[in-house]
Protein backbone atom coordinates (compact mmCIF):
# COMPACT_ATOMS: atom_id res chain seq x y z
CA MET A 1 -0.09 0.01 0.09
CA MET A 2 1.33 3.49 -0.90
CA THR A 3 1.80 5.66 2.23
CA SER A 4 0.51 9.04 2.30
CA LYS A 5 0.52 9.84 6.08
CA GLU A 6 3.36 9.89 8.70
CA ALA A 7 2.96 8.45 12.15
CA LEU A 8 5.66 8.97 14.94
CA VAL A 9 5.61 6.37 17.74
CA VAL A 10 7.31 7.67 20.93
CA ARG A 11 7.77 5.07 23.54
CA GLY A 12 9.83 4.42 26.67
CA GLY A 13 9.62 5.09 30.36
CA TRP A 14 8.48 2.72 32.94
CA ASP A 15 8.87 -0.93 31.67
CA GLY A 16 5.86 -2.15 33.65
CA HIS A 17 3.69 -0.75 30.97
CA GLN A 18 5.57 -2.62 28.22
CA PRO A 19 5.94 0.31 25.91
CA VAL A 20 7.59 -1.74 23.13
CA GLU A 21 5.19 -4.68 23.19
CA ALA A 22 2.25 -2.43 23.59
CA THR A 23 3.07 -0.10 20.62
CA ASP A 24 4.12 -3.07 18.50
CA ARG A 25 0.36 -4.19 18.89
CA PHE A 26 -0.70 -1.06 16.91
CA ILE A 27 2.04 -0.28 14.24
CA PRO A 28 0.72 -2.97 11.61
CA PHE A 29 -2.70 -1.43 11.93
CA LEU A 30 -1.21 1.94 11.18
CA ARG A 31 0.73 0.66 8.24
CA GLU A 32 -2.39 -1.06 6.91
CA HIS A 33 -4.11 2.34 7.16
CA GLY A 34 -1.54 4.09 5.02
CA PHE A 35 1.01 5.38 7.68
CA ALA A 36 4.70 5.33 7.31
CA VAL A 37 5.82 4.75 10.81
CA ARG A 38 8.84 6.22 12.56
CA ILE A 39 9.83 4.96 16.17
CA GLU A 40 11.70 6.88 18.67
CA GLU A 41 12.71 5.86 22.19
CA SER A 42 12.41 9.29 23.71
CA PRO A 43 10.83 12.68 23.14
CA LYS A 44 13.85 14.36 21.77
CA ILE A 45 12.50 14.07 18.34
CA TYR A 46 9.90 16.66 19.38
CA ALA A 47 12.38 19.46 19.18
CA ASP A 48 13.06 18.57 15.56
CA SER A 49 10.53 21.29 14.12
CA ASP A 50 11.16 20.25 10.42
CA TYR A 51 10.43 16.88 10.94
CA MET A 52 7.41 17.46 13.28
CA ALA A 53 5.81 19.51 10.50
CA THR A 54 5.41 16.39 8.56
CA VAL A 55 3.85 14.17 11.33
CA ASP A 56 0.13 13.46 10.97
CA LEU A 57 -0.08 11.49 14.22
CA ILE A 58 1.92 10.87 17.27
CA LEU A 59 1.40 7.62 19.21
CA GLN A 60 2.88 8.18 22.44
CA CYS A 61 3.67 5.43 25.11
CA ASN A 62 6.06 7.07 27.47
CA THR A 63 5.34 6.81 31.23
CA MET A 64 6.88 8.62 34.06
CA ASN A 65 9.51 10.08 32.14
CA THR A 66 10.81 13.75 31.77
CA ILE A 67 10.68 16.17 28.81
CA GLU A 68 12.85 19.10 28.25
CA LYS A 69 11.57 22.70 27.44
CA ASP A 70 12.27 22.51 23.84
CA GLU A 71 10.97 18.96 23.38
CA PHE A 72 7.72 19.92 24.89
CA ALA A 73 7.45 23.24 22.85
CA GLY A 74 7.89 21.19 19.72
CA LEU A 75 5.26 18.80 20.70
CA ARG A 76 2.68 21.52 21.49
CA SER A 77 3.55 23.55 18.39
CA ALA A 78 3.14 20.39 16.22
CA VAL A 79 -0.44 19.69 17.86
CA GLU A 80 -1.35 23.11 17.64
CA ALA A 81 -0.66 23.03 13.81
CA GLY A 82 -2.75 20.04 13.40
CA THR A 83 -0.68 16.96 14.31
CA GLY A 84 -2.85 14.44 16.18
CA LEU A 85 -1.56 12.97 19.55
CA ALA A 86 -3.02 9.79 20.97
CA GLY A 87 -2.31 7.07 23.52
CA TRP A 88 -3.46 5.11 26.50
CA HIS A 89 -2.95 4.78 30.14
CA GLY A 90 0.41 6.21 31.77
CA GLY A 91 1.84 6.47 28.24
CA ILE A 92 -0.12 9.67 27.64
CA ALA A 93 -1.78 10.64 31.11
CA ASP A 94 1.16 10.08 33.23
CA SER A 95 4.04 10.86 30.78
CA TYR A 96 5.88 13.92 32.01
CA ARG A 97 5.22 15.06 35.65
CA ASN A 98 8.12 17.73 35.37
CA GLU A 99 6.13 19.79 32.83
CA SER A 100 2.90 21.40 33.89
CA ASP A 101 2.13 22.60 30.38
CA TYR A 102 2.09 19.04 29.42
CA LEU A 103 -0.56 18.23 31.89
CA HIS A 104 -2.56 21.41 30.47
CA LEU A 105 -2.07 20.06 26.86
CA ILE A 106 -3.57 16.63 27.69
CA GLY A 107 -6.27 17.81 30.00
CA GLY A 108 -6.26 14.78 32.38
CA GLN A 109 -3.56 13.50 34.70
CA PHE A 110 -3.35 10.13 36.50
CA ALA A 111 -3.53 10.68 40.12
CA CYS A 112 -3.76 7.10 41.59
CA HIS A 113 -5.15 3.59 41.14
CA PRO A 114 -6.66 2.45 44.35
CA GLY A 115 -6.01 -1.31 44.68
CA LYS A 116 -7.08 -4.22 46.64
CA HIS A 117 -7.67 -4.58 50.32
CA PRO A 118 -4.33 -4.19 52.10
CA GLU A 119 -4.37 -7.91 53.40
CA GLU A 120 -4.61 -9.06 49.76
CA ARG A 121 -1.57 -7.25 48.48
CA VAL A 122 1.56 -9.16 47.66
CA GLY A 123 3.91 -6.43 46.34
CA GLU A 124 3.15 -6.91 42.60
CA GLN A 125 1.41 -4.86 39.83
CA SER A 126 -1.68 -6.97 40.50
CA ASP A 127 -2.11 -5.34 43.97
CA ASN A 128 -3.90 -2.60 41.99
CA TYR A 129 -6.03 -4.76 39.55
CA VAL A 130 -9.66 -4.37 40.59
CA PRO A 131 -12.80 -5.11 38.79
CA TYR A 132 -14.64 -2.02 37.30
CA ARG A 133 -16.95 -0.75 34.47
CA VAL A 134 -16.23 1.55 31.73
CA THR A 135 -19.49 3.46 31.31
CA MET A 136 -20.27 5.10 27.95
CA LEU A 137 -21.83 8.48 28.07
CA PRO A 138 -24.59 9.73 25.59
CA ALA A 139 -21.85 11.49 23.61
CA ALA A 140 -20.12 8.01 22.83
CA ALA A 141 -23.22 6.62 20.94
CA ASP A 142 -22.61 8.65 17.69
CA HIS A 143 -18.77 9.39 18.15
CA PRO A 144 -16.68 7.62 15.48
CA ILE A 145 -14.32 6.30 18.28
CA THR A 146 -17.10 4.55 20.49
CA GLN A 147 -20.06 4.18 18.10
CA GLY A 148 -21.64 0.92 18.73
CA ILE A 149 -19.75 0.09 21.83
CA GLY A 150 -21.56 -0.38 25.17
CA ASP A 151 -20.55 -0.33 28.70
CA PHE A 152 -17.93 -3.14 29.49
CA ASP A 153 -16.09 -4.43 32.42
CA LEU A 154 -12.42 -4.79 33.13
CA VAL A 155 -10.19 -6.33 35.76
CA THR A 156 -6.98 -3.93 35.92
CA GLU A 157 -5.81 -0.64 36.96
CA GLN A 158 -8.65 1.65 37.54
CA TYR A 159 -7.33 5.44 36.85
CA TRP A 160 -8.53 8.06 39.27
CA VAL A 161 -7.96 11.12 36.89
CA LEU A 162 -7.65 14.80 37.61
CA ALA A 163 -9.15 16.47 34.73
CA ASP A 164 -10.46 19.90 33.48
CA ASP A 165 -13.82 20.59 31.68
CA TYR A 166 -12.21 21.32 28.41
CA ILE A 167 -11.93 17.63 27.62
CA ASP A 168 -14.80 15.98 25.71
CA VAL A 169 -15.66 12.84 27.80
CA LEU A 170 -16.86 9.73 26.07
CA ALA A 171 -16.70 7.23 28.96
CA THR A 172 -16.14 7.48 32.77
CA THR A 173 -15.42 5.08 35.41
CA THR A 174 -16.61 5.23 39.26
CA GLN A 175 -14.25 4.51 41.94
CA ALA A 176 -16.32 2.76 44.73
CA VAL A 177 -15.90 3.44 48.47
CA ARG A 178 -14.50 0.44 50.12
CA GLU A 179 -14.32 0.07 53.93
CA TRP A 180 -10.57 0.68 53.97
CA ASP A 181 -10.60 3.70 51.68
CA PRO A 182 -10.21 7.24 53.20
CA TRP A 183 -12.78 8.87 50.74
CA HIS A 184 -16.45 9.06 51.65
CA ARG A 185 -18.53 8.98 48.34
CA PRO A 186 -17.99 7.50 44.99
CA VAL A 187 -15.69 9.38 42.62
CA THR A 188 -16.17 9.39 38.81
CA SER A 189 -13.27 10.05 36.39
CA PRO A 190 -13.08 10.16 32.70
CA ALA A 191 -11.90 7.02 31.23
CA ILE A 192 -11.80 7.83 27.48
CA TRP A 193 -11.73 11.44 26.29
CA THR A 194 -10.82 13.70 23.43
CA ARG A 195 -9.51 17.30 23.18
CA GLN A 196 -9.17 19.80 20.45
CA TRP A 197 -5.94 21.85 20.81
CA GLY A 198 -5.44 24.56 18.06
CA ARG A 199 -5.82 22.52 14.78
CA GLY A 200 -4.93 19.22 16.37
CA ARG A 201 -6.72 16.37 18.10
CA ILE A 202 -5.89 14.47 21.13
CA PHE A 203 -7.18 11.12 22.23
CA VAL A 204 -6.73 9.31 25.58
CA SER A 205 -7.90 5.99 26.79
CA THR A 206 -6.96 5.36 30.50
CA PRO A 207 -7.56 1.45 29.98
CA GLY A 208 -4.24 -0.08 28.60
CA HIS A 209 -2.17 -1.03 31.63
CA ARG A 210 -0.67 -3.99 29.77
CA VAL A 211 -1.08 -5.91 26.61
CA GLU A 212 -3.76 -8.29 27.86
CA ILE A 213 -5.91 -5.22 28.45
CA LEU A 214 -5.07 -3.88 24.93
CA ASP A 215 -6.15 -7.02 23.54
CA ASP A 216 -9.58 -6.74 25.14
CA PRO A 217 -11.79 -6.20 21.99
CA ASN A 218 -13.52 -3.07 23.33
CA VAL A 219 -10.22 -1.42 24.36
CA ARG A 220 -8.44 -2.43 21.08
CA THR A 221 -11.20 -1.14 19.05
CA ILE A 222 -11.49 2.16 20.83
CA ILE A 223 -7.85 2.71 20.63
CA GLU A 224 -7.61 1.87 17.01
CA ARG A 225 -10.43 4.18 16.08
CA GLY A 226 -8.92 6.74 18.42
CA LEU A 227 -5.64 6.76 16.36
CA LEU A 228 -7.45 7.33 13.09
CA TRP A 229 -9.67 9.98 14.58
CA ALA A 230 -6.67 12.02 16.09
CA SER A 231 -4.61 11.87 12.81
CA ARG A 232 -4.42 15.19 10.78
């Protein structure tokens, strides 16, 4: 297939999110949809303004890393000029804690993922795996990312997200109050959202902790559609 679009995959950070294996899940999909794919292992590429001007879509999977001022400026400028930015879980919603303007760009930031009862924890990632529901909002029914997808259940990290009201929320998840929790009423967070920034589009799915969650048919479909939706 002739390629007419440019996708940049930026991956790295915490290995627990399997940045290589996770993004490898979607690179064939992008190529099948006409993207030439470039892979970078750090955000340094964002500072290359000449290259970034050619990018139609950034797929970022880079958790708990840092970004330099010139790198972030290049990323934001590209999005404002029409480059799409998409990702899942901590790869986009917990990427660069050192840069508050990045949090502003994304519109929602991972705060925590309340886990199992303290007596059930064993010191592994699974301590934070809980059953929860992703609840579709009315806006999801006709949106190209979520059309035809109903509420669905997962057992994985449930993101408690700090967000602003400039995001367009397609789905939410509600953190219950358990007997050992310090909060006193259920808390609803955005689980899937989009954001318009300048001429660019941003897509975020909080489900996607590891490849087994990305392989869930609902999660995978939403992310694939989100990548295409966000692209220039």
